[in-house]
Amino acid sequence: NATGFSSWDKEDIPEPLMSVLKERYPTYFEPPPVDDSRPNETSWTVFQKHIDVSPPAGH
């Protein structure tokens, strides 16, 4: 289990979490463009791709 919070203001994110986010995930500070043509990727689509390329169990 974990606890957390949601914030609309990045100034509310405490250190050292903010430093880690800036260092490791800087692209998360800017939203994608409105005309972003990339397909939507969800945990289900990623899992399906994994299943599609994985050999059946026992083979």
N, C-alpha and C. Protein backbone atom coordinates (compact mmCIF):
# COMPACT_ATOMS: atom_id res chain seq x y z
N ASN A 1 0.83 -1.18 0.00
CA ASN A 1 0.00 0.00 0.00
C ASN A 1 0.87 1.24 0.00
N ALA A 2 0.31 2.31 -0.50
CA ALA A 2 1.03 3.57 -0.53
C ALA A 2 0.03 4.71 -0.35
N THR A 3 0.54 5.81 0.11
CA THR A 3 -0.28 7.00 0.21
C THR A 3 0.26 8.03 -0.77
N GLY A 4 -0.55 8.94 -1.17
CA GLY A 4 -0.10 9.95 -2.10
C GLY A 4 -1.07 11.12 -2.12
N PHE A 5 -0.83 12.02 -3.04
CA PHE A 5 -1.70 13.17 -3.18
C PHE A 5 -1.64 13.63 -4.63
N SER A 6 -2.60 14.43 -5.00
CA SER A 6 -2.66 14.99 -6.34
C SER A 6 -2.56 16.50 -6.22
N SER A 7 -1.84 17.10 -7.14
CA SER A 7 -1.69 18.55 -7.11
C SER A 7 -1.69 19.09 -8.53
N TRP A 8 -2.36 20.20 -8.72
CA TRP A 8 -2.35 20.87 -10.01
C TRP A 8 -1.13 21.79 -10.13
N ASP A 9 -0.49 22.08 -9.01
CA ASP A 9 0.62 23.02 -8.99
C ASP A 9 1.91 22.28 -8.68
N LYS A 10 2.85 22.30 -9.61
CA LYS A 10 4.10 21.56 -9.38
C LYS A 10 4.91 22.15 -8.23
N GLU A 11 4.59 23.37 -7.83
CA GLU A 11 5.27 23.96 -6.67
C GLU A 11 4.89 23.25 -5.37
N ASP A 12 3.80 22.48 -5.40
CA ASP A 12 3.38 21.74 -4.21
C ASP A 12 4.13 20.42 -4.05
N ILE A 13 4.89 20.01 -5.05
CA ILE A 13 5.63 18.74 -4.98
C ILE A 13 6.87 18.94 -4.12
N PRO A 14 7.02 18.16 -3.05
CA PRO A 14 8.14 18.37 -2.13
C PRO A 14 9.46 17.82 -2.67
N GLU A 15 10.54 18.36 -2.13
CA GLU A 15 11.86 17.80 -2.35
C GLU A 15 11.98 16.59 -1.44
N PRO A 16 12.73 15.57 -1.79
CA PRO A 16 13.57 15.40 -2.97
C PRO A 16 12.84 14.87 -4.19
N LEU A 17 11.52 14.65 -4.09
CA LEU A 17 10.77 14.11 -5.22
C LEU A 17 10.88 15.00 -6.45
N MET A 18 10.79 16.30 -6.27
CA MET A 18 10.87 17.22 -7.40
C MET A 18 12.20 17.09 -8.13
N SER A 19 13.28 16.96 -7.40
CA SER A 19 14.60 16.80 -8.03
C SER A 19 14.69 15.52 -8.84
N VAL A 20 14.12 14.45 -8.31
CA VAL A 20 14.12 13.17 -9.03
C VAL A 20 13.30 13.30 -10.31
N LEU A 21 12.14 13.92 -10.22
CA LEU A 21 11.31 14.10 -11.40
C LEU A 21 12.02 14.93 -12.47
N LYS A 22 12.63 16.02 -12.07
CA LYS A 22 13.35 16.88 -13.02
C LYS A 22 14.51 16.15 -13.67
N GLU A 23 15.21 15.33 -12.89
CA GLU A 23 16.37 14.61 -13.41
C GLU A 23 15.98 13.44 -14.31
N ARG A 24 15.04 12.64 -13.86
CA ARG A 24 14.72 11.39 -14.56
C ARG A 24 13.57 11.49 -15.56
N TYR A 25 12.64 12.39 -15.33
CA TYR A 25 11.43 12.46 -16.16
C TYR A 25 11.10 13.89 -16.57
N PRO A 26 12.04 14.61 -17.16
CA PRO A 26 11.78 16.02 -17.49
C PRO A 26 10.64 16.23 -18.49
N THR A 27 10.39 15.24 -19.34
CA THR A 27 9.32 15.43 -20.33
C THR A 27 7.94 15.50 -19.70
N TYR A 28 7.79 15.03 -18.46
CA TYR A 28 6.48 15.06 -17.80
C TYR A 28 6.08 16.46 -17.37
N PHE A 29 6.97 17.42 -17.47
CA PHE A 29 6.63 18.79 -17.07
C PHE A 29 5.97 19.57 -18.20
N GLU A 30 5.94 19.00 -19.39
CA GLU A 30 5.29 19.66 -20.53
C GLU A 30 4.24 18.71 -21.09
N PRO A 31 3.03 19.18 -21.32
CA PRO A 31 2.01 18.31 -21.90
C PRO A 31 2.30 18.04 -23.37
N PRO A 32 1.77 16.96 -23.91
CA PRO A 32 1.95 16.71 -25.34
C PRO A 32 1.20 17.77 -26.15
N PRO A 33 1.60 17.96 -27.40
CA PRO A 33 0.89 18.95 -28.21
C PRO A 33 -0.56 18.53 -28.45
N VAL A 34 -1.40 19.50 -28.68
CA VAL A 34 -2.82 19.24 -28.90
C VAL A 34 -3.02 18.34 -30.12
N ASP A 35 -2.18 18.50 -31.13
CA ASP A 35 -2.31 17.70 -32.36
C ASP A 35 -1.41 16.46 -32.34
N ASP A 36 -1.12 15.93 -31.17
CA ASP A 36 -0.27 14.75 -31.01
C ASP A 36 -0.93 13.57 -31.74
N SER A 37 -0.22 12.99 -32.69
CA SER A 37 -0.79 11.90 -33.49
C SER A 37 -0.38 10.51 -33.00
N ARG A 38 0.37 10.46 -31.90
CA ARG A 38 0.76 9.14 -31.39
C ARG A 38 -0.47 8.38 -30.91
N PRO A 39 -0.48 7.05 -31.12
CA PRO A 39 -1.62 6.28 -30.61
C PRO A 39 -1.61 6.22 -29.09
N ASN A 40 -2.79 6.09 -28.52
CA ASN A 40 -2.90 5.98 -27.08
C ASN A 40 -2.30 4.65 -26.63
N GLU A 41 -1.49 4.67 -25.59
CA GLU A 41 -0.86 3.46 -25.05
C GLU A 41 -1.33 3.29 -23.62
N THR A 42 -1.87 2.12 -23.31
CA THR A 42 -2.34 1.83 -21.97
C THR A 42 -1.62 0.61 -21.45
N SER A 43 -1.81 0.29 -20.19
CA SER A 43 -1.19 -0.92 -19.64
C SER A 43 -1.70 -2.15 -20.38
N TRP A 44 -2.95 -2.11 -20.83
CA TRP A 44 -3.51 -3.25 -21.56
C TRP A 44 -2.87 -3.41 -22.92
N THR A 45 -2.63 -2.33 -23.65
CA THR A 45 -2.02 -2.46 -24.98
C THR A 45 -0.57 -2.91 -24.86
N VAL A 46 0.13 -2.45 -23.85
CA VAL A 46 1.51 -2.91 -23.63
C VAL A 46 1.51 -4.39 -23.29
N PHE A 47 0.60 -4.83 -22.44
CA PHE A 47 0.51 -6.24 -22.07
C PHE A 47 0.17 -7.09 -23.29
N GLN A 48 -0.75 -6.63 -24.11
CA GLN A 48 -1.12 -7.38 -25.32
C GLN A 48 0.07 -7.55 -26.24
N LYS A 49 0.87 -6.52 -26.42
CA LYS A 49 2.08 -6.63 -27.26
C LYS A 49 3.04 -7.65 -26.68
N HIS A 50 3.17 -7.69 -25.36
CA HIS A 50 4.04 -8.66 -24.70
C HIS A 50 3.53 -10.08 -24.95
N ILE A 51 2.24 -10.29 -24.81
CA ILE A 51 1.65 -11.61 -25.03
C ILE A 51 1.81 -12.03 -26.49
N ASP A 52 1.64 -11.11 -27.41
CA ASP A 52 1.73 -11.42 -28.84
C ASP A 52 3.11 -11.93 -29.24
N VAL A 53 4.17 -11.49 -28.57
CA VAL A 53 5.53 -11.90 -28.95
C VAL A 53 6.11 -12.96 -28.04
N SER A 54 5.43 -13.29 -26.95
CA SER A 54 5.93 -14.29 -26.01
C SER A 54 5.54 -15.69 -26.47
N PRO A 55 6.46 -16.66 -26.35
CA PRO A 55 6.11 -18.04 -26.70
C PRO A 55 5.12 -18.60 -25.68
N PRO A 56 4.29 -19.55 -26.09
CA PRO A 56 3.36 -20.16 -25.14
C PRO A 56 4.11 -20.84 -24.00
N ALA A 57 3.49 -20.91 -22.84
CA ALA A 57 4.12 -21.54 -21.68
C ALA A 57 4.46 -23.00 -22.00
N GLY A 58 5.63 -23.42 -21.58
CA GLY A 58 6.05 -24.80 -21.80
C GLY A 58 6.73 -25.03 -23.14
N HIS A 59 6.95 -23.99 -23.92
CA HIS A 59 7.60 -24.15 -25.23
C HIS A 59 8.91 -23.42 -25.28
